[in-house]
Every structure is written in structure tokens, then in C-alpha cells.
Amino acid sequence: METFISVAAVIVLFIVIILIGYVKAPPDTAYMISGFRKPRILIGKAGIRIPFLERLDKLSLKMFSVDVKTTDFVPNAEYINVKVDATVKIRIGQSEEMMTLASKFFLNENEAMIIRRVQDTLEGNMREIVGQMKLEEMVIDRKAFGERVQENAVPDLQKMGLEMISFNVQSFSDQNNVIEDLGIDNISQ
């Protein structure tokens, strides 16, 4: 009889551990289980974590829209002070290696915190490219400007486990209305 009670207690304990430790990750969040066994990543599937011995952390896989603006005017290659406003779409890299890297920076962080951390990096890369280009090049060929910023920013983002989906320039402005004068000159020609 004692053996039966012991076996029943073990079975009940096992069932309780499974019920408490059962986790199901949605498709837009990576669940990272670490601790007792080899770390595992769950995306869109279920798994079991051993309560008290394993830890469950979350990493958002959603695409984030980051508004990137130069905080003040930046001198370009012709020493004309320019402000740039752009929108960037980013997400956590989809490979296990990128997710592991991103977990070092963004584990259990909300969307707003991730965006704040990335804005500084993107603004710095944008300022660097502004300093290398002429005003007319930037204004006339926004796509080329965006591509140069992307080329510059992607290695920095990859070090954080992030991928850049798109980079779109919203507007350029300058202190002395040079951009407006360029438009008037083009209209008169």
C-alpha cells in the first residue's frame, strides 16, 4: 500500500510540474528557457520548463518603427547645416545566433526601450552620412542617401542582433533655406 501511495505521489508531482512548467510561445515572441538543461528557444510552439530550476525570458520578434531625427543641425560636405527626419523599420534577427545576441541587449525589454536604445545608433550613422554628402545629392536622390545610411548602420545593428528592414527619409531642412532656393532655381530653369 505504501508503495502505491509513493508511486501515486510521484505521478501527481510529475503532473503538477508539467502543468506549472508548460509554456506556449506566440509566433511574435521568442521564449528563452535556460538553467537546468541546455538553453532552448521557443517560437510559436509549446515546451516544458522545470519550475525553480529553469528560467523563462521573453524576446519580442515584432517589427519596430523607429523615428530617427538629427537632434540639431549637422554640417554636410559643403558645410551647410542640415536636419534630417527618417523612419526606420527594424526587428530582432530571425536566426538563433542573432536572437542569442539580441538577448544580451533586449531580453524582457518592451518595445519603447528597444526603440530608445536603437535611435542613438541610427542617428549617429545618419549624421556620419550627412557629413559625407553634398546637399543637392541628398535632396535629389533620397534613395541613395538611405542606402548609404543602411550600409553604414547594418553592421552596428547586427552587433546587437537586429536587422534593418527599411530606411525612409521623411524630410530634409536647413538653417538658411538653401533647399527651398534649390527648388526655386529648378523651377525657373
C-alpha atoms as a PDB file:
ATOM      1  CA  MET A   1       0.000   0.000   0.000  1.00  0.00           C
ATOM      2  CA  GLU A   2       2.855   2.391   0.859  1.00  0.00           C
ATOM      3  CA  THR A   3       4.439   1.693  -2.494  1.00  0.00           C
ATOM      4  CA  PHE A   4       1.191   2.547  -4.239  1.00  0.00           C
ATOM      5  CA  ILE A   5       0.933   5.856  -2.318  1.00  0.00           C
ATOM      6  CA  SER A   6       4.582   6.702  -3.133  1.00  0.00           C
ATOM      7  CA  VAL A   7       4.076   5.967  -6.831  1.00  0.00           C
ATOM      8  CA  ALA A   8       0.833   7.979  -6.861  1.00  0.00           C
ATOM      9  CA  ALA A   9       2.570  10.911  -5.125  1.00  0.00           C
ATOM     10  CA  VAL A  10       5.406  10.851  -7.684  1.00  0.00           C
ATOM     11  CA  ILE A  11       2.898  10.735 -10.550  1.00  0.00           C
ATOM     12  CA  VAL A  12       0.889  13.633  -9.079  1.00  0.00           C
ATOM     13  CA  LEU A  13       4.117  15.633  -8.528  1.00  0.00           C
ATOM     14  CA  PHE A  14       5.173  14.931 -12.117  1.00  0.00           C
ATOM     15  CA  ILE A  15       1.784  16.092 -13.439  1.00  0.00           C
ATOM     16  CA  VAL A  16       1.935  19.260 -11.308  1.00  0.00           C
ATOM     17  CA  ILE A  17       5.444  20.063 -12.607  1.00  0.00           C
ATOM     18  CA  ILE A  18       4.255  19.619 -16.190  1.00  0.00           C
ATOM     19  CA  LEU A  19       1.184  21.809 -15.605  1.00  0.00           C
ATOM     20  CA  ILE A  20       3.160  24.554 -13.871  1.00  0.00           C
ATOM     21  CA  GLY A  21       6.068  24.378 -16.315  1.00  0.00           C
ATOM     22  CA  TYR A  22       4.036  24.253 -19.533  1.00  0.00           C
ATOM     23  CA  VAL A  23       4.677  27.329 -21.704  1.00  0.00           C
ATOM     24  CA  LYS A  24       3.450  28.190 -25.186  1.00  0.00           C
ATOM     25  CA  ALA A  25       5.226  30.905 -27.148  1.00  0.00           C
ATOM     26  CA  PRO A  26       3.248  33.069 -29.598  1.00  0.00           C
ATOM     27  CA  PRO A  27       4.683  33.490 -33.116  1.00  0.00           C
ATOM     28  CA  ASP A  28       5.819  37.081 -32.457  1.00  0.00           C
ATOM     29  CA  THR A  29       7.764  36.342 -29.254  1.00  0.00           C
ATOM     30  CA  ALA A  30      10.745  34.104 -28.576  1.00  0.00           C
ATOM     31  CA  TYR A  31      10.644  32.315 -25.229  1.00  0.00           C
ATOM     32  CA  MET A  32      14.147  31.570 -23.989  1.00  0.00           C
ATOM     33  CA  ILE A  33      14.358  28.802 -21.402  1.00  0.00           C
ATOM     34  CA  SER A  34      17.667  28.482 -19.598  1.00  0.00           C
ATOM     35  CA  GLY A  35      19.085  26.995 -16.431  1.00  0.00           C
ATOM     36  CA  PHE A  36      18.999  23.280 -15.664  1.00  0.00           C
ATOM     37  CA  ARG A  37      19.396  21.988 -19.219  1.00  0.00           C
ATOM     38  CA  LYS A  38      20.842  23.387 -22.448  1.00  0.00           C
ATOM     39  CA  PRO A  39      19.186  26.763 -23.302  1.00  0.00           C
ATOM     40  CA  ARG A  40      16.218  26.477 -25.664  1.00  0.00           C
ATOM     41  CA  ILE A  41      14.341  28.978 -27.828  1.00  0.00           C
ATOM     42  CA  LEU A  42      10.624  28.503 -28.448  1.00  0.00           C
ATOM     43  CA  ILE A  43       8.801  30.465 -31.169  1.00  0.00           C
ATOM     44  CA  GLY A  44       5.194  29.605 -31.940  1.00  0.00           C
ATOM     45  CA  LYS A  45       5.361  26.273 -30.123  1.00  0.00           C
ATOM     46  CA  ALA A  46       4.991  24.803 -26.662  1.00  0.00           C
ATOM     47  CA  GLY A  47       7.558  23.454 -24.245  1.00  0.00           C
ATOM     48  CA  ILE A  48       8.156  22.499 -20.643  1.00  0.00           C
ATOM     49  CA  ARG A  49      10.398  24.359 -18.239  1.00  0.00           C
ATOM     50  CA  ILE A  50      11.288  22.843 -14.915  1.00  0.00           C
ATOM     51  CA  PRO A  51       9.925  25.172 -12.210  1.00  0.00           C
ATOM     52  CA  PHE A  52      12.535  26.628  -9.829  1.00  0.00           C
ATOM     53  CA  LEU A  53      15.390  25.159 -11.913  1.00  0.00           C
ATOM     54  CA  GLU A  54      14.830  26.875 -15.249  1.00  0.00           C
ATOM     55  CA  ARG A  55      14.139  30.473 -16.115  1.00  0.00           C
ATOM     56  CA  LEU A  56      11.761  31.802 -18.782  1.00  0.00           C
ATOM     57  CA  ASP A  57      12.655  35.051 -20.558  1.00  0.00           C
ATOM     58  CA  LYS A  58      10.911  36.760 -23.470  1.00  0.00           C
ATOM     59  CA  LEU A  59      12.244  38.492 -26.578  1.00  0.00           C
ATOM     60  CA  SER A  60       9.866  40.363 -28.884  1.00  0.00           C
ATOM     61  CA  LEU A  61      10.173  39.477 -32.582  1.00  0.00           C
ATOM     62  CA  LYS A  62       7.820  42.221 -33.774  1.00  0.00           C
ATOM     63  CA  MET A  63       8.899  44.766 -36.350  1.00  0.00           C
ATOM     64  CA  PHE A  64       9.561  48.156 -34.736  1.00  0.00           C
ATOM     65  CA  SER A  65       9.178  51.547 -36.365  1.00  0.00           C
ATOM     66  CA  VAL A  66      11.912  53.925 -35.198  1.00  0.00           C
ATOM     67  CA  ASP A  67      11.611  57.665 -35.804  1.00  0.00           C
ATOM     68  CA  VAL A  68      15.154  58.928 -36.334  1.00  0.00           C
ATOM     69  CA  LYS A  69      15.859  62.661 -36.365  1.00  0.00           C
ATOM     70  CA  THR A  70      19.071  64.587 -36.075  1.00  0.00           C
ATOM     71  CA  THR A  71      18.605  66.427 -32.781  1.00  0.00           C
ATOM     72  CA  ASP A  72      20.372  69.510 -34.115  1.00  0.00           C
ATOM     73  CA  PHE A  73      21.725  70.754 -37.439  1.00  0.00           C
ATOM     74  CA  VAL A  74      24.614  68.740 -38.892  1.00  0.00           C
ATOM     75  CA  PRO A  75      27.131  70.253 -41.343  1.00  0.00           C
ATOM     76  CA  ASN A  76      27.235  68.342 -44.621  1.00  0.00           C
ATOM     77  CA  ALA A  77      30.177  68.043 -47.070  1.00  0.00           C
ATOM     78  CA  GLU A  78      29.580  71.677 -48.179  1.00  0.00           C
ATOM     79  CA  TYR A  79      29.300  72.947 -44.562  1.00  0.00           C
ATOM     80  CA  ILE A  80      25.587  73.610 -44.927  1.00  0.00           C
ATOM     81  CA  ASN A  81      23.779  72.793 -41.691  1.00  0.00           C
ATOM     82  CA  VAL A  82      21.095  70.168 -42.355  1.00  0.00           C
ATOM     83  CA  LYS A  83      18.457  68.397 -40.269  1.00  0.00           C
ATOM     84  CA  VAL A  84      17.134  65.003 -41.386  1.00  0.00           C
ATOM     85  CA  ASP A  85      13.971  63.199 -40.360  1.00  0.00           C
ATOM     86  CA  ALA A  86      13.674  59.500 -41.242  1.00  0.00           C
ATOM     87  CA  THR A  87      11.706  56.385 -40.341  1.00  0.00           C
ATOM     88  CA  VAL A  88      13.431  53.048 -39.932  1.00  0.00           C
ATOM     89  CA  LYS A  89      11.862  49.582 -39.628  1.00  0.00           C
ATOM     90  CA  ILE A  90      13.870  47.072 -37.590  1.00  0.00           C
ATOM     91  CA  ARG A  91      13.364  43.676 -35.974  1.00  0.00           C
ATOM     92  CA  ILE A  92      15.287  41.092 -33.994  1.00  0.00           C
ATOM     93  CA  GLY A  93      17.270  38.830 -36.331  1.00  0.00           C
ATOM     94  CA  GLN A  94      15.461  35.578 -37.127  1.00  0.00           C
ATOM     95  CA  SER A  95      18.418  33.208 -36.804  1.00  0.00           C
ATOM     96  CA  GLU A  96      19.195  31.538 -33.480  1.00  0.00           C
ATOM     97  CA  GLU A  97      22.594  33.268 -33.429  1.00  0.00           C
ATOM     98  CA  MET A  98      21.015  36.725 -33.881  1.00  0.00           C
ATOM     99  CA  MET A  99      18.376  36.008 -31.212  1.00  0.00           C
ATOM    100  CA  THR A 100      21.057  34.910 -28.763  1.00  0.00           C
ATOM    101  CA  LEU A 101      22.985  38.106 -29.474  1.00  0.00           C
ATOM    102  CA  ALA A 102      19.852  40.272 -29.159  1.00  0.00           C
ATOM    103  CA  SER A 103      19.005  38.586 -25.864  1.00  0.00           C
ATOM    104  CA  LYS A 104      22.147  40.124 -24.349  1.00  0.00           C
ATOM    105  CA  PHE A 105      20.746  43.602 -25.033  1.00  0.00           C
ATOM    106  CA  PHE A 106      16.956  43.356 -25.217  1.00  0.00           C
ATOM    107  CA  LEU A 107      15.780  40.372 -23.133  1.00  0.00           C
ATOM    108  CA  ASN A 108      12.493  41.126 -21.341  1.00  0.00           C
ATOM    109  CA  GLU A 109      12.574  44.729 -22.694  1.00  0.00           C
ATOM    110  CA  ASN A 110       9.465  46.436 -24.021  1.00  0.00           C
ATOM    111  CA  GLU A 111       9.185  47.996 -27.478  1.00  0.00           C
ATOM    112  CA  ALA A 112       9.747  51.567 -26.268  1.00  0.00           C
ATOM    113  CA  MET A 113      13.037  50.649 -24.564  1.00  0.00           C
ATOM    114  CA  ILE A 114      14.357  48.836 -27.633  1.00  0.00           C
ATOM    115  CA  ILE A 115      13.462  51.823 -29.825  1.00  0.00           C
ATOM    116  CA  ARG A 116      15.229  54.278 -27.479  1.00  0.00           C
ATOM    117  CA  ARG A 117      18.400  52.191 -27.484  1.00  0.00           C
ATOM    118  CA  VAL A 118      18.439  51.897 -31.280  1.00  0.00           C
ATOM    119  CA  GLN A 119      17.668  55.570 -32.008  1.00  0.00           C
ATOM    120  CA  ASP A 120      21.094  56.740 -30.803  1.00  0.00           C
ATOM    121  CA  THR A 121      22.914  54.288 -33.054  1.00  0.00           C
ATOM    122  CA  LEU A 122      20.818  55.156 -36.099  1.00  0.00           C
ATOM    123  CA  GLU A 123      21.102  58.905 -35.510  1.00  0.00           C
ATOM    124  CA  GLY A 124      24.887  58.613 -35.273  1.00  0.00           C
ATOM    125  CA  ASN A 125      25.056  56.714 -38.554  1.00  0.00           C
ATOM    126  CA  MET A 126      22.761  59.219 -40.245  1.00  0.00           C
ATOM    127  CA  ARG A 127      24.879  62.171 -39.013  1.00  0.00           C
ATOM    128  CA  GLU A 128      28.000  60.492 -40.396  1.00  0.00           C
ATOM    129  CA  ILE A 129      26.497  60.122 -43.887  1.00  0.00           C
ATOM    130  CA  VAL A 130      25.145  63.705 -43.843  1.00  0.00           C
ATOM    131  CA  GLY A 131      28.707  64.883 -43.257  1.00  0.00           C
ATOM    132  CA  GLN A 132      29.920  62.981 -46.348  1.00  0.00           C
ATOM    133  CA  MET A 133      27.328  64.107 -48.909  1.00  0.00           C
ATOM    134  CA  LYS A 134      26.516  67.333 -50.734  1.00  0.00           C
ATOM    135  CA  LEU A 135      23.111  68.885 -50.113  1.00  0.00           C
ATOM    136  CA  GLU A 136      21.912  68.514 -53.683  1.00  0.00           C
ATOM    137  CA  GLU A 137      22.858  64.794 -53.700  1.00  0.00           C
ATOM    138  CA  MET A 138      20.861  64.171 -50.528  1.00  0.00           C
ATOM    139  CA  VAL A 139      17.769  66.094 -51.571  1.00  0.00           C
ATOM    140  CA  ILE A 140      17.582  64.869 -55.182  1.00  0.00           C
ATOM    141  CA  ASP A 141      18.430  61.207 -54.520  1.00  0.00           C
ATOM    142  CA  ARG A 142      16.909  60.289 -51.157  1.00  0.00           C
ATOM    143  CA  LYS A 143      17.163  56.607 -52.028  1.00  0.00           C
ATOM    144  CA  ALA A 144      20.963  56.833 -52.405  1.00  0.00           C
ATOM    145  CA  PHE A 145      21.172  58.675 -49.079  1.00  0.00           C
ATOM    146  CA  GLY A 146      19.045  55.984 -47.416  1.00  0.00           C
ATOM    147  CA  GLU A 147      21.138  53.187 -48.926  1.00  0.00           C
ATOM    148  CA  ARG A 148      24.358  54.776 -47.659  1.00  0.00           C
ATOM    149  CA  VAL A 149      22.912  55.127 -44.158  1.00  0.00           C
ATOM    150  CA  GLN A 150      21.768  51.493 -44.281  1.00  0.00           C
ATOM    151  CA  GLU A 151      25.216  50.279 -45.386  1.00  0.00           C
ATOM    152  CA  ASN A 152      26.721  52.237 -42.523  1.00  0.00           C
ATOM    153  CA  ALA A 153      24.180  51.197 -39.859  1.00  0.00           C
ATOM    154  CA  VAL A 154      23.662  47.490 -40.639  1.00  0.00           C
ATOM    155  CA  PRO A 155      26.992  46.306 -39.112  1.00  0.00           C
ATOM    156  CA  ASP A 156      26.227  48.220 -35.890  1.00  0.00           C
ATOM    157  CA  LEU A 157      22.716  46.792 -35.714  1.00  0.00           C
ATOM    158  CA  GLN A 158      23.960  43.254 -36.401  1.00  0.00           C
ATOM    159  CA  LYS A 159      26.249  43.521 -33.376  1.00  0.00           C
ATOM    160  CA  MET A 160      23.049  43.970 -31.338  1.00  0.00           C
ATOM    161  CA  GLY A 161      21.216  41.100 -33.090  1.00  0.00           C
ATOM    162  CA  LEU A 162      18.990  43.412 -35.150  1.00  0.00           C
ATOM    163  CA  GLU A 163      18.024  43.525 -38.827  1.00  0.00           C
ATOM    164  CA  MET A 164      17.081  46.694 -40.705  1.00  0.00           C
ATOM    165  CA  ILE A 165      14.038  46.146 -42.900  1.00  0.00           C
ATOM    166  CA  SER A 166      13.783  49.623 -44.428  1.00  0.00           C
ATOM    167  CA  PHE A 167      15.068  53.185 -44.166  1.00  0.00           C
ATOM    168  CA  ASN A 168      12.890  56.028 -45.487  1.00  0.00           C
ATOM    169  CA  VAL A 169      13.800  59.710 -45.447  1.00  0.00           C
ATOM    170  CA  GLN A 170      10.823  61.856 -44.488  1.00  0.00           C
ATOM    171  CA  SER A 171      12.368  65.307 -44.901  1.00  0.00           C
ATOM    172  CA  PHE A 172      15.472  67.467 -45.074  1.00  0.00           C
ATOM    173  CA  SER A 173      15.676  71.006 -43.732  1.00  0.00           C
ATOM    174  CA  ASP A 174      18.438  73.575 -43.378  1.00  0.00           C
ATOM    175  CA  GLN A 175      19.011  76.818 -41.487  1.00  0.00           C
ATOM    176  CA  ASN A 176      19.438  79.159 -44.470  1.00  0.00           C
ATOM    177  CA  ASN A 177      16.641  77.891 -46.779  1.00  0.00           C
ATOM    178  CA  VAL A 178      19.164  76.545 -49.299  1.00  0.00           C
ATOM    179  CA  ILE A 179      16.863  73.590 -50.062  1.00  0.00           C
ATOM    180  CA  GLU A 180      13.997  75.969 -50.817  1.00  0.00           C
ATOM    181  CA  ASP A 181      16.314  78.054 -53.052  1.00  0.00           C
ATOM    182  CA  LEU A 182      17.345  74.882 -54.915  1.00  0.00           C
ATOM    183  CA  GLY A 183      13.681  74.221 -55.632  1.00  0.00           C
ATOM    184  CA  ILE A 184      13.128  77.786 -56.905  1.00  0.00           C
ATOM    185  CA  ASP A 185      16.222  77.512 -59.150  1.00  0.00           C
ATOM    186  CA  ASN A 186      14.958  74.222 -60.611  1.00  0.00           C
ATOM    187  CA  ILE A 187      11.500  75.699 -61.251  1.00  0.00           C
ATOM    188  CA  SER A 188      12.964  78.770 -63.009  1.00  0.00           C
ATOM    189  CA  GLN A 189      15.109  76.583 -65.271  1.00  0.00           C
END
